[in-house]
Amino acid sequence: VLRKGEFSALIGPSGSGKSTLLNIIGSLDRPTAGRLFIEG
């Protein structure tokens, strides 16, 4: 969950899936399973 006004860092080693996760959060890609909610 990313809350309003929060300033968060996403860290992890190369190949950990950070870019994939960012693409899903940004709705540039869709998850295979599970759900994304934007503003509810």
Full PDB file with SEQRES, HELIX, SHEET, SSBOND, CRYST1, ORIGX, SCALE, CONECT and MASTER records, all heavy atoms in Angstrom:
SEQRES   1 A   40  VAL LEU ARG LYS GLY GLU PHE SER ALA LEU ILE GLY PRO          
SEQRES   2 A   40  SER GLY SER GLY LYS SER THR LEU LEU ASN ILE ILE GLY          
SEQRES   3 A   40  SER LEU ASP ARG PRO THR ALA GLY ARG LEU PHE ILE GLU          
SEQRES   4 A   40  GLY                                                          
HELIX    1 AA1 LYS A   18  ILE A   25  1                                   8    
CRYST1    1.000    1.000    1.000  90.00  90.00  90.00 P 1           1          
ORIGX1      1.000000  0.000000  0.000000        0.00000                         
ORIGX2      0.000000  1.000000  0.000000        0.00000                         
ORIGX3      0.000000  0.000000  1.000000        0.00000                         
SCALE1      1.000000  0.000000  0.000000        0.00000                         
SCALE2      0.000000  1.000000  0.000000        0.00000                         
SCALE3      0.000000  0.000000  1.000000        0.00000                         
ATOM      1  N   VAL A   1       0.857  -1.187   0.000  1.00  0.00           N  
ATOM      2  CA  VAL A   1       0.000   0.000   0.000  1.00  0.00           C  
ATOM      3  C   VAL A   1       0.891   1.234   0.000  1.00  0.00           C  
ATOM      4  O   VAL A   1       1.837   1.324   0.799  1.00  0.00           O  
ATOM      5  CB  VAL A   1      -0.927   0.031   1.233  1.00  0.00           C  
ATOM      6  CG1 VAL A   1      -1.719   1.337   1.278  1.00  0.00           C  
ATOM      7  CG2 VAL A   1      -1.876  -1.165   1.224  1.00  0.00           C  
ATOM      8  N   LEU A   2       0.628   2.178  -0.903  1.00  0.00           N  
ATOM      9  CA  LEU A   2       1.290   3.484  -0.903  1.00  0.00           C  
ATOM     10  C   LEU A   2       0.260   4.519  -0.479  1.00  0.00           C  
ATOM     11  O   LEU A   2      -0.761   4.679  -1.147  1.00  0.00           O  
ATOM     12  CB  LEU A   2       1.849   3.824  -2.284  1.00  0.00           C  
ATOM     13  CG  LEU A   2       2.916   2.869  -2.837  1.00  0.00           C  
ATOM     14  CD1 LEU A   2       3.344   3.305  -4.235  1.00  0.00           C  
ATOM     15  CD2 LEU A   2       4.136   2.814  -1.912  1.00  0.00           C  
ATOM     16  N   ARG A   3       0.520   5.206   0.612  1.00  0.00           N  
ATOM     17  CA  ARG A   3      -0.447   6.140   1.176  1.00  0.00           C  
ATOM     18  C   ARG A   3      -0.188   7.558   0.682  1.00  0.00           C  
ATOM     19  O   ARG A   3       0.921   7.899   0.297  1.00  0.00           O  
ATOM     20  CB  ARG A   3      -0.397   6.096   2.706  1.00  0.00           C  
ATOM     21  CG  ARG A   3      -0.682   4.701   3.266  1.00  0.00           C  
ATOM     22  CD  ARG A   3      -0.391   4.608   4.756  1.00  0.00           C  
ATOM     23  NE  ARG A   3      -0.515   3.230   5.210  1.00  0.00           N  
ATOM     24  CZ  ARG A   3       0.467   2.343   5.184  1.00  0.00           C  
ATOM     25  NH1 ARG A   3       1.667   2.687   4.709  1.00  0.00           N  
ATOM     26  NH2 ARG A   3       0.273   1.117   5.620  1.00  0.00           N  
ATOM     27  N   LYS A   4      -1.221   8.380   0.746  1.00  0.00           N  
ATOM     28  CA  LYS A   4      -1.144   9.755   0.258  1.00  0.00           C  
ATOM     29  C   LYS A   4      -0.021  10.510   0.952  1.00  0.00           C  
ATOM     30  O   LYS A   4       0.096  10.512   2.171  1.00  0.00           O  
ATOM     31  CB  LYS A   4      -2.472  10.480   0.497  1.00  0.00           C  
ATOM     32  CG  LYS A   4      -2.466  11.935   0.034  1.00  0.00           C  
ATOM     33  CD  LYS A   4      -3.820  12.570   0.190  1.00  0.00           C  
ATOM     34  CE  LYS A   4      -3.776  14.069  -0.103  1.00  0.00           C  
ATOM     35  NZ  LYS A   4      -3.248  14.380  -1.436  1.00  0.00           N  
ATOM     36  N   GLY A   5       0.831  11.151   0.143  1.00  0.00           N  
ATOM     37  CA  GLY A   5       1.896  11.990   0.657  1.00  0.00           C  
ATOM     38  C   GLY A   5       3.118  11.244   1.148  1.00  0.00           C  
ATOM     39  O   GLY A   5       4.107  11.864   1.561  1.00  0.00           O  
ATOM     40  N   GLU A   6       3.115   9.919   1.080  1.00  0.00           N  
ATOM     41  CA  GLU A   6       4.234   9.123   1.573  1.00  0.00           C  
ATOM     42  C   GLU A   6       5.389   9.156   0.571  1.00  0.00           C  
ATOM     43  O   GLU A   6       5.176   9.104  -0.634  1.00  0.00           O  
ATOM     44  CB  GLU A   6       3.752   7.686   1.764  1.00  0.00           C  
ATOM     45  CG  GLU A   6       4.625   6.817   2.634  1.00  0.00           C  
ATOM     46  CD  GLU A   6       3.926   5.508   2.973  1.00  0.00           C  
ATOM     47  OE1 GLU A   6       3.343   4.895   2.057  1.00  0.00           O  
ATOM     48  OE2 GLU A   6       3.953   5.113   4.141  1.00  0.00           O  
ATOM     49  N   PHE A   7       6.599   9.225   1.102  1.00  0.00           N  
ATOM     50  CA  PHE A   7       7.807   9.247   0.261  1.00  0.00           C  
ATOM     51  C   PHE A   7       8.592   7.989   0.587  1.00  0.00           C  
ATOM     52  O   PHE A   7       9.258   7.891   1.621  1.00  0.00           O  
ATOM     53  CB  PHE A   7       8.636  10.496   0.565  1.00  0.00           C  
ATOM     54  CG  PHE A   7       9.655  10.826  -0.496  1.00  0.00           C  
ATOM     55  CD1 PHE A   7       9.423  11.858  -1.400  1.00  0.00           C  
ATOM     56  CD2 PHE A   7      10.836  10.115  -0.593  1.00  0.00           C  
ATOM     57  CE1 PHE A   7      10.366  12.172  -2.378  1.00  0.00           C  
ATOM     58  CE2 PHE A   7      11.776  10.413  -1.559  1.00  0.00           C  
ATOM     59  CZ  PHE A   7      11.543  11.443  -2.458  1.00  0.00           C  
ATOM     60  N   SER A   8       8.509   6.992  -0.308  1.00  0.00           N  
ATOM     61  CA  SER A   8       9.059   5.666  -0.027  1.00  0.00           C  
ATOM     62  C   SER A   8      10.169   5.307  -0.998  1.00  0.00           C  
ATOM     63  O   SER A   8      10.168   5.735  -2.153  1.00  0.00           O  
ATOM     64  CB  SER A   8       7.960   4.598  -0.118  1.00  0.00           C  
ATOM     65  OG  SER A   8       6.903   4.884   0.773  1.00  0.00           O  
ATOM     66  N   ALA A   9      11.104   4.488  -0.513  1.00  0.00           N  
ATOM     67  CA  ALA A   9      12.162   3.937  -1.356  1.00  0.00           C  
ATOM     68  C   ALA A   9      11.879   2.461  -1.600  1.00  0.00           C  
ATOM     69  O   ALA A   9      11.462   1.741  -0.684  1.00  0.00           O  
ATOM     70  CB  ALA A   9      13.515   4.101  -0.691  1.00  0.00           C  
ATOM     71  N   LEU A  10      12.111   2.017  -2.828  1.00  0.00           N  
ATOM     72  CA  LEU A  10      12.052   0.602  -3.177  1.00  0.00           C  
ATOM     73  C   LEU A  10      13.471   0.171  -3.517  1.00  0.00           C  
ATOM     74  O   LEU A  10      14.067   0.682  -4.462  1.00  0.00           O  
ATOM     75  CB  LEU A  10      11.120   0.374  -4.368  1.00  0.00           C  
ATOM     76  CG  LEU A  10      11.017  -1.064  -4.887  1.00  0.00           C  
ATOM     77  CD1 LEU A  10      10.421  -1.988  -3.830  1.00  0.00           C  
ATOM     78  CD2 LEU A  10      10.175  -1.116  -6.165  1.00  0.00           C  
ATOM     79  N   ILE A  11      14.019  -0.750  -2.721  1.00  0.00           N  
ATOM     80  CA  ILE A  11      15.391  -1.175  -2.910  1.00  0.00           C  
ATOM     81  C   ILE A  11      15.435  -2.689  -3.112  1.00  0.00           C  
ATOM     82  O   ILE A  11      14.456  -3.392  -2.862  1.00  0.00           O  
ATOM     83  CB  ILE A  11      16.295  -0.775  -1.721  1.00  0.00           C  
ATOM     84  CG1 ILE A  11      15.868  -1.528  -0.447  1.00  0.00           C  
ATOM     85  CG2 ILE A  11      16.260   0.733  -1.500  1.00  0.00           C  
ATOM     86  CD1 ILE A  11      16.845  -1.354   0.711  1.00  0.00           C  
ATOM     87  N   GLY A  12      16.579  -3.170  -3.553  1.00  0.00           N  
ATOM     88  CA  GLY A  12      16.774  -4.601  -3.761  1.00  0.00           C  
ATOM     89  C   GLY A  12      17.849  -4.822  -4.799  1.00  0.00           C  
ATOM     90  O   GLY A  12      18.166  -3.929  -5.593  1.00  0.00           O  
ATOM     91  N   PRO A  13      18.442  -6.012  -4.820  1.00  0.00           N  
ATOM     92  CA  PRO A  13      19.509  -6.301  -5.787  1.00  0.00           C  
ATOM     93  C   PRO A  13      18.993  -6.309  -7.209  1.00  0.00           C  
ATOM     94  O   PRO A  13      17.785  -6.433  -7.455  1.00  0.00           O  
ATOM     95  CB  PRO A  13      19.996  -7.695  -5.364  1.00  0.00           C  
ATOM     96  CG  PRO A  13      18.851  -8.300  -4.615  1.00  0.00           C  
ATOM     97  CD  PRO A  13      18.149  -7.162  -3.938  1.00  0.00           C  
ATOM     98  N   SER A  14      19.897  -6.167  -8.150  1.00  0.00           N  
ATOM     99  CA  SER A  14      19.532  -6.261  -9.567  1.00  0.00           C  
ATOM    100  C   SER A  14      18.880  -7.616  -9.826  1.00  0.00           C  
ATOM    101  O   SER A  14      19.332  -8.636  -9.315  1.00  0.00           O  
ATOM    102  CB  SER A  14      20.771  -6.100 -10.447  1.00  0.00           C  
ATOM    103  OG  SER A  14      21.337  -4.819 -10.277  1.00  0.00           O  
ATOM    104  N   GLY A  15      17.814  -7.613 -10.614  1.00  0.00           N  
ATOM    105  CA  GLY A  15      17.114  -8.851 -10.919  1.00  0.00           C  
ATOM    106  C   GLY A  15      16.094  -9.269  -9.887  1.00  0.00           C  
ATOM    107  O   GLY A  15      15.515 -10.353  -9.985  1.00  0.00           O  
ATOM    108  N   SER A  16      15.840  -8.408  -8.895  1.00  0.00           N  
ATOM    109  CA  SER A  16      14.897  -8.767  -7.832  1.00  0.00           C  
ATOM    110  C   SER A  16      13.445  -8.523  -8.225  1.00  0.00           C  
ATOM    111  O   SER A  16      12.529  -8.930  -7.499  1.00  0.00           O  
ATOM    112  CB  SER A  16      15.218  -7.992  -6.552  1.00  0.00           C  
ATOM    113  OG  SER A  16      15.130  -6.585  -6.775  1.00  0.00           O  
ATOM    114  N   GLY A  17      13.219  -7.830  -9.355  1.00  0.00           N  
ATOM    115  CA  GLY A  17      11.859  -7.584  -9.813  1.00  0.00           C  
ATOM    116  C   GLY A  17      11.377  -6.164  -9.607  1.00  0.00           C  
ATOM    117  O   GLY A  17      10.186  -5.875  -9.790  1.00  0.00           O  
ATOM    118  N   LYS A  18      12.283  -5.240  -9.275  1.00  0.00           N  
ATOM    119  CA  LYS A  18      11.878  -3.863  -8.989  1.00  0.00           C  
ATOM    120  C   LYS A  18      11.223  -3.195 -10.193  1.00  0.00           C  
ATOM    121  O   LYS A  18      10.175  -2.552 -10.066  1.00  0.00           O  
ATOM    122  CB  LYS A  18      13.076  -3.026  -8.518  1.00  0.00           C  
ATOM    123  CG  LYS A  18      13.725  -3.507  -7.239  1.00  0.00           C  
ATOM    124  CD  LYS A  18      14.773  -2.537  -6.722  1.00  0.00           C  
ATOM    125  CE  LYS A  18      15.907  -2.288  -7.697  1.00  0.00           C  
ATOM    126  NZ  LYS A  18      16.679  -3.510  -8.026  1.00  0.00           N  
ATOM    127  N   SER A  19      11.835  -3.322 -11.362  1.00  0.00           N  
ATOM    128  CA  SER A  19      11.276  -2.682 -12.558  1.00  0.00           C  
ATOM    129  C   SER A  19       9.926  -3.300 -12.934  1.00  0.00           C  
ATOM    130  O   SER A  19       8.996  -2.588 -13.327  1.00  0.00           O  
ATOM    131  CB  SER A  19      12.248  -2.788 -13.729  1.00  0.00           C  
ATOM    132  OG  SER A  19      13.413  -2.028 -13.488  1.00  0.00           O  
ATOM    133  N   THR A  20       9.813  -4.620 -12.794  1.00  0.00           N  
ATOM    134  CA  THR A  20       8.536  -5.286 -13.071  1.00  0.00           C  
ATOM    135  C   THR A  20       7.458  -4.780 -12.127  1.00  0.00           C  
ATOM    136  O   THR A  20       6.337  -4.478 -12.547  1.00  0.00           O  
ATOM    137  CB  THR A  20       8.691  -6.819 -12.918  1.00  0.00           C  
ATOM    138  OG1 THR A  20       9.673  -7.281 -13.846  1.00  0.00           O  
ATOM    139  CG2 THR A  20       7.377  -7.524 -13.181  1.00  0.00           C  
ATOM    140  N   LEU A  21       7.802  -4.664 -10.854  1.00  0.00           N  
ATOM    141  CA  LEU A  21       6.840  -4.167  -9.870  1.00  0.00           C  
ATOM    142  C   LEU A  21       6.444  -2.729 -10.177  1.00  0.00           C  
ATOM    143  O   LEU A  21       5.259  -2.374 -10.101  1.00  0.00           O  
ATOM    144  CB  LEU A  21       7.441  -4.265  -8.471  1.00  0.00           C  
ATOM    145  CG  LEU A  21       6.555  -3.796  -7.316  1.00  0.00           C  
ATOM    146  CD1 LEU A  21       5.239  -4.557  -7.279  1.00  0.00           C  
ATOM    147  CD2 LEU A  21       7.289  -3.940  -5.982  1.00  0.00           C  
ATOM    148  N   LEU A  22       7.418  -1.912 -10.551  1.00  0.00           N  
ATOM    149  CA  LEU A  22       7.124  -0.512 -10.873  1.00  0.00           C  
ATOM    150  C   LEU A  22       6.202  -0.417 -12.089  1.00  0.00           C  
ATOM    151  O   LEU A  22       5.286   0.413 -12.118  1.00  0.00           O  
ATOM    152  CB  LEU A  22       8.422   0.248 -11.125  1.00  0.00           C  
ATOM    153  CG  LEU A  22       8.385   1.742 -10.794  1.00  0.00           C  
ATOM    154  CD1 LEU A  22       8.269   1.933  -9.296  1.00  0.00           C  
ATOM    155  CD2 LEU A  22       9.633   2.446 -11.298  1.00  0.00           C  
ATOM    156  N   ASN A  23       6.423  -1.258 -13.086  1.00  0.00           N  
ATOM    157  CA  ASN A  23       5.567  -1.250 -14.274  1.00  0.00           C  
ATOM    158  C   ASN A  23       4.128  -1.629 -13.934  1.00  0.00           C  
ATOM    159  O   ASN A  23       3.184  -1.100 -14.518  1.00  0.00           O  
ATOM    160  CB  ASN A  23       6.122  -2.211 -15.327  1.00  0.00           C  
ATOM    161  CG  ASN A  23       7.338  -1.661 -16.033  1.00  0.00           C  
ATOM    162  OD1 ASN A  23       7.592  -0.463 -16.021  1.00  0.00           O  
ATOM    163  ND2 ASN A  23       8.118  -2.549 -16.629  1.00  0.00           N  
ATOM    164  N   ILE A  24       3.959  -2.535 -12.989  1.00  0.00           N  
ATOM    165  CA  ILE A  24       2.602  -2.926 -12.587  1.00  0.00           C  
ATOM    166  C   ILE A  24       1.956  -1.826 -11.766  1.00  0.00           C  
ATOM    167  O   ILE A  24       0.791  -1.480 -11.984  1.00  0.00           O  
ATOM    168  CB  ILE A  24       2.644  -4.267 -11.826  1.00  0.00           C  
ATOM    169  CG1 ILE A  24       2.944  -5.394 -12.810  1.00  0.00           C  
ATOM    170  CG2 ILE A  24       1.322  -4.528 -11.095  1.00  0.00           C  
ATOM    171  CD1 ILE A  24       3.115  -6.755 -12.182  1.00  0.00           C  
ATOM    172  N   ILE A  25       2.699  -1.242 -10.829  1.00  0.00           N  
ATOM    173  CA  ILE A  25       2.158  -0.130 -10.044  1.00  0.00           C  
ATOM    174  C   ILE A  25       1.752   1.020 -10.969  1.00  0.00           C  
ATOM    175  O   ILE A  25       0.711   1.658 -10.770  1.00  0.00           O  
ATOM    176  CB  ILE A  25       3.189   0.360  -9.004  1.00  0.00           C  
ATOM    177  CG1 ILE A  25       3.405  -0.716  -7.936  1.00  0.00           C  
ATOM    178  CG2 ILE A  25       2.737   1.669  -8.357  1.00  0.00           C  
ATOM    179  CD1 ILE A  25       4.545  -0.406  -6.981  1.00  0.00           C  
ATOM    180  N   GLY A  26       2.560   1.261 -11.996  1.00  0.00           N  
ATOM    181  CA  GLY A  26       2.263   2.340 -12.935  1.00  0.00           C  
ATOM    182  C   GLY A  26       1.262   1.954 -13.999  1.00  0.00           C  
ATOM    183  O   GLY A  26       0.991   2.740 -14.907  1.00  0.00           O  
ATOM    184  N   SER A  27       0.718   0.745 -13.897  1.00  0.00           N  
ATOM    185  CA  SER A  27      -0.272   0.196 -14.846  1.00  0.00           C  
ATOM    186  C   SER A  27       0.242   0.171 -16.282  1.00  0.00           C  
ATOM    187  O   SER A  27      -0.531   0.217 -17.233  1.00  0.00           O  
ATOM    188  CB  SER A  27      -1.612   0.939 -14.759  1.00  0.00           C  
ATOM    189  OG  SER A  27      -1.554   2.231 -15.301  1.00  0.00           O  
ATOM    190  N   LEU A  28       1.571   0.081 -16.431  1.00  0.00           N  
ATOM    191  CA  LEU A  28       2.166  -0.120 -17.748  1.00  0.00           C  
ATOM    192  C   LEU A  28       2.120  -1.594 -18.137  1.00  0.00           C  
ATOM    193  O   LEU A  28       2.269  -1.941 -19.302  1.00  0.00           O  
ATOM    194  CB  LEU A  28       3.613   0.375 -17.749  1.00  0.00           C  
ATOM    195  CG  LEU A  28       3.813   1.875 -17.513  1.00  0.00           C  
ATOM    196  CD1 LEU A  28       5.286   2.190 -17.357  1.00  0.00           C  
ATOM    197  CD2 LEU A  28       3.203   2.701 -18.633  1.00  0.00           C  
ATOM    198  N   ASP A  29       1.926  -2.449 -17.138  1.00  0.00           N  
ATOM    199  CA  ASP A  29       1.810  -3.881 -17.349  1.00  0.00           C  
ATOM    200  C   ASP A  29       0.760  -4.397 -16.367  1.00  0.00           C  
ATOM    201  O   ASP A  29       0.517  -3.786 -15.324  1.00  0.00           O  
ATOM    202  CB  ASP A  29       3.167  -4.555 -17.106  1.00  0.00           C  
ATOM    203  CG  ASP A  29       3.263  -5.946 -17.720  1.00  0.00           C  
ATOM    204  OD1 ASP A  29       2.280  -6.384 -18.362  1.00  0.00           O  
ATOM    205  OD2 ASP A  29       4.315  -6.590 -17.564  1.00  0.00           O  
ATOM    206  N   ARG A  30       0.147  -5.509 -16.695  1.00  0.00           N  
ATOM    207  CA  ARG A  30      -0.878  -6.079 -15.828  1.00  0.00           C  
ATOM    208  C   ARG A  30      -0.330  -7.304 -15.107  1.00  0.00           C  
ATOM    209  O   ARG A  30       0.471  -8.059 -15.664  1.00  0.00           O  
ATOM    210  CB  ARG A  30      -2.116  -6.469 -16.642  1.00  0.00           C  
ATOM    211  CG  ARG A  30      -2.873  -5.289 -17.236  1.00  0.00           C  
ATOM    212  CD  ARG A  30      -4.137  -5.770 -17.923  1.00  0.00           C  
ATOM    213  NE  ARG A  30      -4.852  -4.726 -18.617  1.00  0.00           N  
ATOM    214  CZ  ARG A  30      -5.927  -4.097 -18.143  1.00  0.00           C  
ATOM    215  NH1 ARG A  30      -6.391  -4.413 -16.945  1.00  0.00           N  
ATOM    216  NH2 ARG A  30      -6.546  -3.162 -18.867  1.00  0.00           N  
ATOM    217  N   PRO A  31      -0.760  -7.517 -13.855  1.00  0.00           N  
ATOM    218  CA  PRO A  31      -0.309  -8.711 -13.138  1.00  0.00           C  
ATOM    219  C   PRO A  31      -0.899  -9.979 -13.733  1.00  0.00           C  
ATOM    220  O   PRO A  31      -1.981  -9.956 -14.330  1.00  0.00           O  
ATOM    221  CB  PRO A  31      -0.820  -8.479 -11.708  1.00  0.00           C  
ATOM    222  CG  PRO A  31      -1.954  -7.526 -11.849  1.00  0.00           C  
ATOM    223  CD  PRO A  31      -1.644  -6.666 -13.038  1.00  0.00           C  
ATOM    224  N   THR A  32      -0.189 -11.092 -13.565  1.00  0.00           N  
ATOM    225  CA  THR A  32      -0.709 -12.388 -13.982  1.00  0.00           C  
ATOM    226  C   THR A  32      -1.821 -12.836 -13.050  1.00  0.00           C  
ATOM    227  O   THR A  32      -2.812 -13.442 -13.464  1.00  0.00           O  
ATOM    228  CB  THR A  32       0.419 -13.432 -13.977  1.00  0.00           C  
ATOM    229  OG1 THR A  32       1.512 -12.941 -14.768  1.00  0.00           O  
ATOM    230  CG2 THR A  32      -0.053 -14.760 -14.552  1.00  0.00           C  
ATOM    231  N   ALA A  33      -1.664 -12.535 -11.770  1.00  0.00           N  
ATOM    232  CA  ALA A  33      -2.681 -12.817 -10.764  1.00  0.00           C  
ATOM    233  C   ALA A  33      -2.604 -11.725  -9.707  1.00  0.00           C  
ATOM    234  O   ALA A  33      -1.587 -11.043  -9.573  1.00  0.00           O  
ATOM    235  CB  ALA A  33      -2.462 -14.185 -10.138  1.00  0.00           C  
ATOM    236  N   GLY A  34      -3.693 -11.551  -8.944  1.00  0.00           N  
ATOM    237  CA  GLY A  34      -3.741 -10.481  -7.961  1.00  0.00           C  
ATOM    238  C   GLY A  34      -4.365  -9.232  -8.547  1.00  0.00           C  
ATOM    239  O   GLY A  34      -4.732  -9.192  -9.734  1.00  0.00           O  
ATOM    240  N   ARG A  35      -4.456  -8.184  -7.727  1.00  0.00           N  
ATOM    241  CA  ARG A  35      -5.183  -6.984  -8.151  1.00  0.00           C  
ATOM    242  C   ARG A  35      -4.424  -5.714  -7.804  1.00  0.00           C  
ATOM    243  O   ARG A  35      -3.719  -5.644  -6.789  1.00  0.00           O  
ATOM    244  CB  ARG A  35      -6.570  -6.943  -7.494  1.00  0.00           C  
ATOM    245  CG  ARG A  35      -7.380  -8.206  -7.685  1.00  0.00           C  
ATOM    246  CD  ARG A  35      -8.767  -8.069  -7.085  1.00  0.00           C  
ATOM    247  NE  ARG A  35      -9.668  -7.329  -7.966  1.00  0.00           N  
ATOM    248  CZ  ARG A  35     -10.874  -6.909  -7.603  1.00  0.00           C  
ATOM    249  NH1 ARG A  35     -11.312  -7.101  -6.383  1.00  0.00           N  
ATOM    250  NH2 ARG A  35     -11.638  -6.257  -8.472  1.00  0.00           N  
ATOM    251  N   LEU A  36      -4.604  -4.715  -8.658  1.00  0.00           N  
ATOM    252  CA  LEU A  36      -4.076  -3.372  -8.449  1.00  0.00           C  
ATOM    253  C   LEU A  36      -5.248  -2.413  -8.297  1.00  0.00           C  
ATOM    254  O   LEU A  36      -6.159  -2.406  -9.129  1.00  0.00           O  
ATOM    255  CB  LEU A  36      -3.204  -2.940  -9.641  1.00  0.00           C  
ATOM    256  CG  LEU A  36      -2.857  -1.452  -9.744  1.00  0.00           C  
ATOM    257  CD1 LEU A  36      -1.920  -1.031  -8.618  1.00  0.00           C  
ATOM    258  CD2 LEU A  36      -2.234  -1.135 -11.103  1.00  0.00           C  
ATOM    259  N   PHE A  37      -5.222  -1.608  -7.238  1.00  0.00           N  
ATOM    260  CA  PHE A  37      -6.223  -0.584  -7.012  1.00  0.00           C  
ATOM    261  C   PHE A  37      -5.540   0.783  -7.039  1.00  0.00           C  
ATOM    262  O   PHE A  37      -4.525   0.995  -6.382  1.00  0.00           O  
ATOM    263  CB  PHE A  37      -6.899  -0.764  -5.647  1.00  0.00           C  
ATOM    264  CG  PHE A  37      -7.689  -2.047  -5.512  1.00  0.00           C  
ATOM    265  CD1 PHE A  37      -7.058  -3.230  -5.174  1.00  0.00           C  
ATOM    266  CD2 PHE A  37      -9.061  -2.054  -5.719  1.00  0.00           C  
ATOM    267  CE1 PHE A  37      -7.775  -4.405  -5.044  1.00  0.00           C  
ATOM    268  CE2 PHE A  37      -9.792  -3.225  -5.591  1.00  0.00           C  
ATOM    269  CZ  PHE A  37      -9.140  -4.410  -5.254  1.00  0.00           C  
ATOM    270  N   ILE A  38      -6.094   1.696  -7.813  1.00  0.00           N  
ATOM    271  CA  ILE A  38      -5.601   3.070  -7.859  1.00  0.00           C  
ATOM    272  C   ILE A  38      -6.717   3.974  -7.363  1.00  0.00           C  
ATOM    273  O   ILE A  38      -7.807   4.013  -7.935  1.00  0.00           O  
ATOM    274  CB  ILE A  38      -5.182   3.470  -9.285  1.00  0.00           C  
ATOM    275  CG1 ILE A  38      -4.011   2.599  -9.754  1.00  0.00           C  
ATOM    276  CG2 ILE A  38      -4.787   4.949  -9.318  1.00  0.00           C  
ATOM    277  CD1 ILE A  38      -3.566   2.884 -11.170  1.00  0.00           C  
ATOM    278  N   GLU A  39      -6.436   4.680  -6.261  1.00  0.00           N  
ATOM    279  CA  GLU A  39      -7.439   5.521  -5.609  1.00  0.00           C  
ATOM    280  C   GLU A  39      -8.732   4.737  -5.363  1.00  0.00           C  
ATOM    281  O   GLU A  39      -9.835   5.236  -5.595  1.00  0.00           O  
ATOM    282  CB  GLU A  39      -7.689   6.786  -6.434  1.00  0.00           C  
ATOM    283  CG  GLU A  39      -6.456   7.677  -6.513  1.00  0.00           C  
ATOM    284  CD  GLU A  39      -6.771   9.087  -6.963  1.00  0.00           C  
ATOM    285  OE1 GLU A  39      -7.565   9.252  -7.910  1.00  0.00           O  
ATOM    286  OE2 GLU A  39      -6.231  10.021  -6.348  1.00  0.00           O  
ATOM    287  N   GLY A  40      -8.582   3.501  -4.918  1.00  0.00           N  
ATOM    288  CA  GLY A  40      -9.720   2.663  -4.586  1.00  0.00           C  
ATOM    289  C   GLY A  40     -10.400   2.002  -5.766  1.00  0.00           C  
ATOM    290  O   GLY A  40     -11.351   1.234  -5.586  1.00  0.00           O  
TER     291      GLY A  40                                                      
MASTER        0    0    0    1    0    0    0    6  290    1    0    4          
END                                                                             
